[in-house]
């Protein structure tokens, strides 16, 4: 069984509690960690009890130490973004980050298709550690999105929502359909709900802030009541 953890925003107690109570094979965090220490330190209590995987959210690029505590942690290689990994016998595809007008916000055409394209136009003062601006390390680029299209998966995890959410994107419906998934899980909006896309063929489950759901979309730990987190 795989569990899905909504945006922790610094609170990892619910996912730790869920793992200790139910012993899932794996847990996947859906972005926006807000890490004041490394992810492996935050989750030390459960690392021998379950596999931990994640996709980044938009806020994981807000501060240098938040970024480093996620991507530079001992769990940095558990990033599912732009990958498909078999977890508990299911093929799970990941697309972290958010759509931004500066880069690509569907249905508009991409302004920059890849990190390389953006870097070419970045002045020296705009670069972060010699590369693209930090916040765009958690932006969705067309090249990453397109790379998943010719692959197959059972579950798609995203930070952004597909079109069944009022602030969602039909581009994610298209990706889910191309991958052949039966279920999509997403965070970002701090809302727990279940819906369908693609004429009812694909189930979608939004997971609330710091909430935990199982792979059937059943809520194990309700998310916090908080303002929606749509800022990019």
Protein backbone atom coordinates (compact mmCIF):
# COMPACT_ATOMS: atom_id res chain seq x y z
CA UNK A 1 0.00 0.00 0.00
CA UNK A 2 1.17 3.52 -0.86
CA UNK A 3 0.20 6.57 1.20
CA UNK A 4 0.12 10.12 -0.14
CA UNK A 5 1.01 13.06 2.08
CA UNK A 6 -0.32 16.53 1.35
CA UNK A 7 1.89 19.61 1.53
CA UNK A 8 3.55 19.38 4.98
CA UNK A 9 4.59 23.05 5.22
CA UNK A 10 6.93 22.09 8.03
CA UNK A 11 4.59 19.70 9.85
CA UNK A 12 5.59 16.07 9.36
CA UNK A 13 3.81 14.71 12.43
CA UNK A 14 0.71 13.49 10.55
CA UNK A 15 2.65 11.43 8.00
CA UNK A 16 4.83 9.96 10.75
CA UNK A 17 1.72 9.07 12.73
CA UNK A 18 0.09 7.45 9.68
CA UNK A 19 3.14 5.32 8.92
CA UNK A 20 3.47 4.19 12.52
CA UNK A 21 -0.23 3.28 12.66
CA UNK A 22 -0.65 1.53 9.30
CA UNK A 23 2.84 0.46 8.10
CA UNK A 24 2.48 1.23 4.37
CA UNK A 25 5.05 0.03 1.88
CA UNK A 26 5.73 3.62 0.84
CA UNK A 27 4.67 7.22 1.33
CA UNK A 28 4.84 9.93 -1.32
CA UNK A 29 4.94 13.59 -0.28
CA UNK A 30 3.25 15.96 -2.73
CA UNK A 31 5.47 19.04 -2.30
CA UNK A 32 5.91 22.22 -0.24
CA UNK A 33 8.00 20.79 2.60
CA UNK A 34 9.28 24.11 4.09
CA UNK A 35 12.25 22.31 5.61
CA UNK A 36 14.18 23.92 8.45
CA UNK A 37 16.34 20.78 8.61
CA UNK A 38 16.99 18.01 6.10
CA UNK A 39 14.12 15.77 5.01
CA UNK A 40 15.86 12.66 6.31
CA UNK A 41 16.18 14.27 9.74
CA UNK A 42 12.49 15.23 9.77
CA UNK A 43 11.45 11.69 8.87
CA UNK A 44 14.12 9.77 10.79
CA UNK A 45 11.44 8.04 12.90
CA UNK A 46 9.96 6.22 9.88
CA UNK A 47 12.84 5.68 7.47
CA UNK A 48 13.29 2.06 8.55
CA UNK A 49 9.55 1.44 8.42
CA UNK A 50 8.64 2.62 4.93
CA UNK A 51 10.01 3.99 1.66
CA UNK A 52 9.82 7.78 1.36
CA UNK A 53 9.41 9.46 -2.03
CA UNK A 54 8.50 13.02 -2.98
CA UNK A 55 7.83 15.58 -5.65
CA UNK A 56 8.74 19.24 -5.08
CA UNK A 57 6.22 22.04 -4.74
CA UNK A 58 6.56 25.70 -5.59
CA UNK A 59 7.59 26.73 -2.06
CA UNK A 60 10.53 24.33 -2.05
CA UNK A 61 12.30 26.91 -4.21
CA UNK A 62 11.51 29.90 -1.99
CA UNK A 63 14.63 29.85 0.21
CA UNK A 64 18.14 28.49 -0.18
CA UNK A 65 17.99 26.32 2.92
CA UNK A 66 14.53 24.93 2.10
CA UNK A 67 15.86 23.92 -1.31
CA UNK A 68 19.06 22.41 0.09
CA UNK A 69 17.29 20.57 2.90
CA UNK A 70 15.15 18.81 0.31
CA UNK A 71 17.28 18.23 -2.76
CA UNK A 72 20.53 17.97 -0.84
CA UNK A 73 19.19 15.63 1.82
CA UNK A 74 19.99 11.93 2.05
CA UNK A 75 16.57 11.39 0.44
CA UNK A 76 17.37 13.65 -2.50
CA UNK A 77 17.47 10.66 -4.85
CA UNK A 78 13.85 9.86 -3.95
CA UNK A 79 12.64 12.78 -6.06
CA UNK A 80 9.96 11.46 -8.45
CA UNK A 81 9.84 14.58 -10.60
CA UNK A 82 10.00 13.68 -14.30
CA UNK A 83 10.54 10.00 -13.46
CA UNK A 84 8.57 6.77 -13.38
CA UNK A 85 9.47 4.40 -10.55
CA UNK A 86 7.93 1.08 -9.54
CA UNK A 87 6.73 1.40 -5.96
CA UNK A 88 4.91 -1.45 -4.24
CA UNK A 89 4.27 -3.06 -7.62
CA UNK A 90 2.76 0.08 -9.16
CA UNK A 91 4.42 2.33 -11.72
CA UNK A 92 4.30 5.87 -10.34
CA UNK A 93 4.99 8.92 -12.50
CA UNK A 94 5.84 12.28 -10.96
CA UNK A 95 5.57 15.89 -12.12
CA UNK A 96 6.50 18.34 -9.38
CA UNK A 97 6.53 22.12 -9.34
CA UNK A 98 4.06 24.57 -10.83
CA UNK A 99 3.16 26.21 -14.10
CA UNK A 100 4.35 29.82 -14.34
CA UNK A 101 3.65 32.40 -17.04
CA UNK A 102 7.36 33.25 -17.21
CA UNK A 103 8.07 29.64 -18.28
CA UNK A 104 4.89 27.89 -19.39
CA UNK A 105 1.32 28.23 -18.26
CA UNK A 106 -1.03 26.10 -20.38
CA UNK A 107 -2.95 26.50 -22.58
CA UNK A 108 -0.48 29.17 -23.72
CA UNK A 109 2.58 28.00 -25.61
CA UNK A 110 5.82 27.59 -23.64
CA UNK A 111 8.02 30.66 -23.44
CA UNK A 112 11.03 28.54 -22.45
CA UNK A 113 10.92 24.83 -23.20
CA UNK A 114 13.89 23.80 -21.08
CA UNK A 115 16.31 24.91 -18.37
CA UNK A 116 18.89 25.44 -21.10
CA UNK A 117 16.60 27.78 -23.03
CA UNK A 118 15.95 29.89 -19.93
CA UNK A 119 19.60 29.97 -18.89
CA UNK A 120 20.56 31.40 -22.28
CA UNK A 121 18.45 34.48 -21.57
CA UNK A 122 19.41 34.89 -17.91
CA UNK A 123 21.77 37.72 -17.13
CA UNK A 124 24.61 37.12 -14.70
CA UNK A 125 22.68 38.83 -11.91
CA UNK A 126 19.63 36.61 -12.44
CA UNK A 127 21.46 33.32 -12.14
CA UNK A 128 21.48 31.26 -8.97
CA UNK A 129 24.60 29.27 -8.29
CA UNK A 130 25.52 29.71 -11.92
CA UNK A 131 22.25 28.23 -13.11
CA UNK A 132 18.65 29.31 -13.65
CA UNK A 133 16.89 31.27 -10.86
CA UNK A 134 16.16 29.13 -7.82
CA UNK A 135 12.38 29.39 -8.08
CA UNK A 136 12.44 28.02 -11.62
CA UNK A 137 14.03 24.80 -10.40
CA UNK A 138 10.47 24.10 -9.23
CA UNK A 139 8.74 25.42 -12.36
CA UNK A 140 7.32 22.99 -14.92
CA UNK A 141 9.10 23.09 -18.26
CA UNK A 142 7.63 21.70 -21.47
CA UNK A 143 10.65 19.43 -22.01
CA UNK A 144 10.03 17.67 -18.68
CA UNK A 145 6.32 17.30 -19.32
CA UNK A 146 6.87 16.02 -22.86
CA UNK A 147 9.45 13.46 -21.70
CA UNK A 148 6.76 11.53 -19.81
CA UNK A 149 4.38 11.23 -22.75
CA UNK A 150 5.81 8.09 -24.34
CA UNK A 151 5.89 6.18 -21.05
CA UNK A 152 3.31 4.14 -19.14
CA UNK A 153 2.29 4.37 -15.48
CA UNK A 154 -0.46 3.38 -13.07
CA UNK A 155 -0.46 6.47 -10.84
CA UNK A 156 0.50 10.08 -11.53
CA UNK A 157 1.50 12.40 -8.68
CA UNK A 158 1.58 16.14 -9.30
CA UNK A 159 1.77 19.31 -7.27
CA UNK A 160 -0.58 21.17 -9.60
CA UNK A 161 -4.14 19.94 -10.09
CA UNK A 162 -5.78 18.59 -13.24
CA UNK A 163 -8.89 20.21 -14.70
CA UNK A 164 -11.39 18.79 -12.20
CA UNK A 165 -10.16 21.42 -9.75
CA UNK A 166 -11.32 24.98 -10.40
CA UNK A 167 -7.68 26.12 -10.61
CA UNK A 168 -6.49 23.02 -12.45
CA UNK A 169 -5.00 22.41 -15.88
CA UNK A 170 -6.30 20.24 -18.70
CA UNK A 171 -2.66 19.69 -19.73
CA UNK A 172 -2.41 17.36 -16.75
CA UNK A 173 -5.54 15.49 -17.90
CA UNK A 174 -3.79 14.98 -21.24
CA UNK A 175 -0.64 13.72 -19.56
CA UNK A 176 -2.56 11.34 -17.29
CA UNK A 177 -4.38 9.93 -20.31
CA UNK A 178 -1.16 9.57 -22.32
CA UNK A 179 0.49 7.70 -19.44
CA UNK A 180 -2.52 5.39 -19.11
CA UNK A 181 -2.84 5.99 -15.36
CA UNK A 182 -5.95 5.09 -13.39
CA UNK A 183 -5.38 7.61 -10.58
CA UNK A 184 -3.91 11.08 -10.02
CA UNK A 185 -2.94 12.51 -6.62
CA UNK A 186 -2.06 16.17 -6.14
CA UNK A 187 -1.35 18.76 -3.45
CA UNK A 188 -0.86 22.54 -3.75
CA UNK A 189 -4.45 23.66 -3.07
CA UNK A 190 -4.79 22.30 0.47
CA UNK A 191 -8.10 20.68 -0.41
CA UNK A 192 -9.27 17.13 0.17
CA UNK A 193 -11.65 15.96 -2.53
CA UNK A 194 -12.19 13.20 -5.05
CA UNK A 195 -13.29 13.62 -8.66
CA UNK A 196 -12.70 12.17 -12.12
CA UNK A 197 -11.28 13.34 -15.44
CA UNK A 198 -11.24 11.97 -18.99
CA UNK A 199 -14.95 11.06 -19.05
CA UNK A 200 -14.75 9.38 -15.67
CA UNK A 201 -11.93 7.03 -16.63
CA UNK A 202 -9.30 8.50 -14.28
CA UNK A 203 -9.81 9.15 -10.56
CA UNK A 204 -8.33 12.28 -9.01
CA UNK A 205 -7.68 12.82 -5.30
CA UNK A 206 -6.61 16.13 -3.83
CA UNK A 207 -4.81 15.75 -0.50
CA UNK A 208 -5.15 18.46 2.14
CA UNK A 209 -2.30 20.31 3.86
CA UNK A 210 -0.37 17.78 5.96
CA UNK A 211 -3.18 15.28 5.37
CA UNK A 212 -2.65 11.64 4.46
CA UNK A 213 -4.65 9.48 2.04
CA UNK A 214 -4.26 5.89 0.91
CA UNK A 215 -4.08 4.86 -2.74
CA UNK A 216 -7.84 4.44 -2.88
CA UNK A 217 -8.23 8.10 -1.95
CA UNK A 218 -9.48 7.27 1.53
CA UNK A 219 -8.56 9.98 4.02
CA UNK A 220 -6.51 8.54 6.88
CA UNK A 221 -5.57 11.86 8.47
CA UNK A 222 -7.55 14.98 7.50
CA UNK A 223 -5.65 17.97 6.21
CA UNK A 224 -5.37 21.18 8.15
CA UNK A 225 -7.91 23.90 7.52
CA UNK A 226 -5.85 26.62 5.93
CA UNK A 227 -5.95 29.17 3.16
CA UNK A 228 -5.40 27.82 -0.31
CA UNK A 229 -1.82 27.88 -1.49
CA UNK A 230 -1.95 29.00 -5.10
CA UNK A 231 0.78 31.60 -5.00
CA UNK A 232 3.52 30.87 -7.51
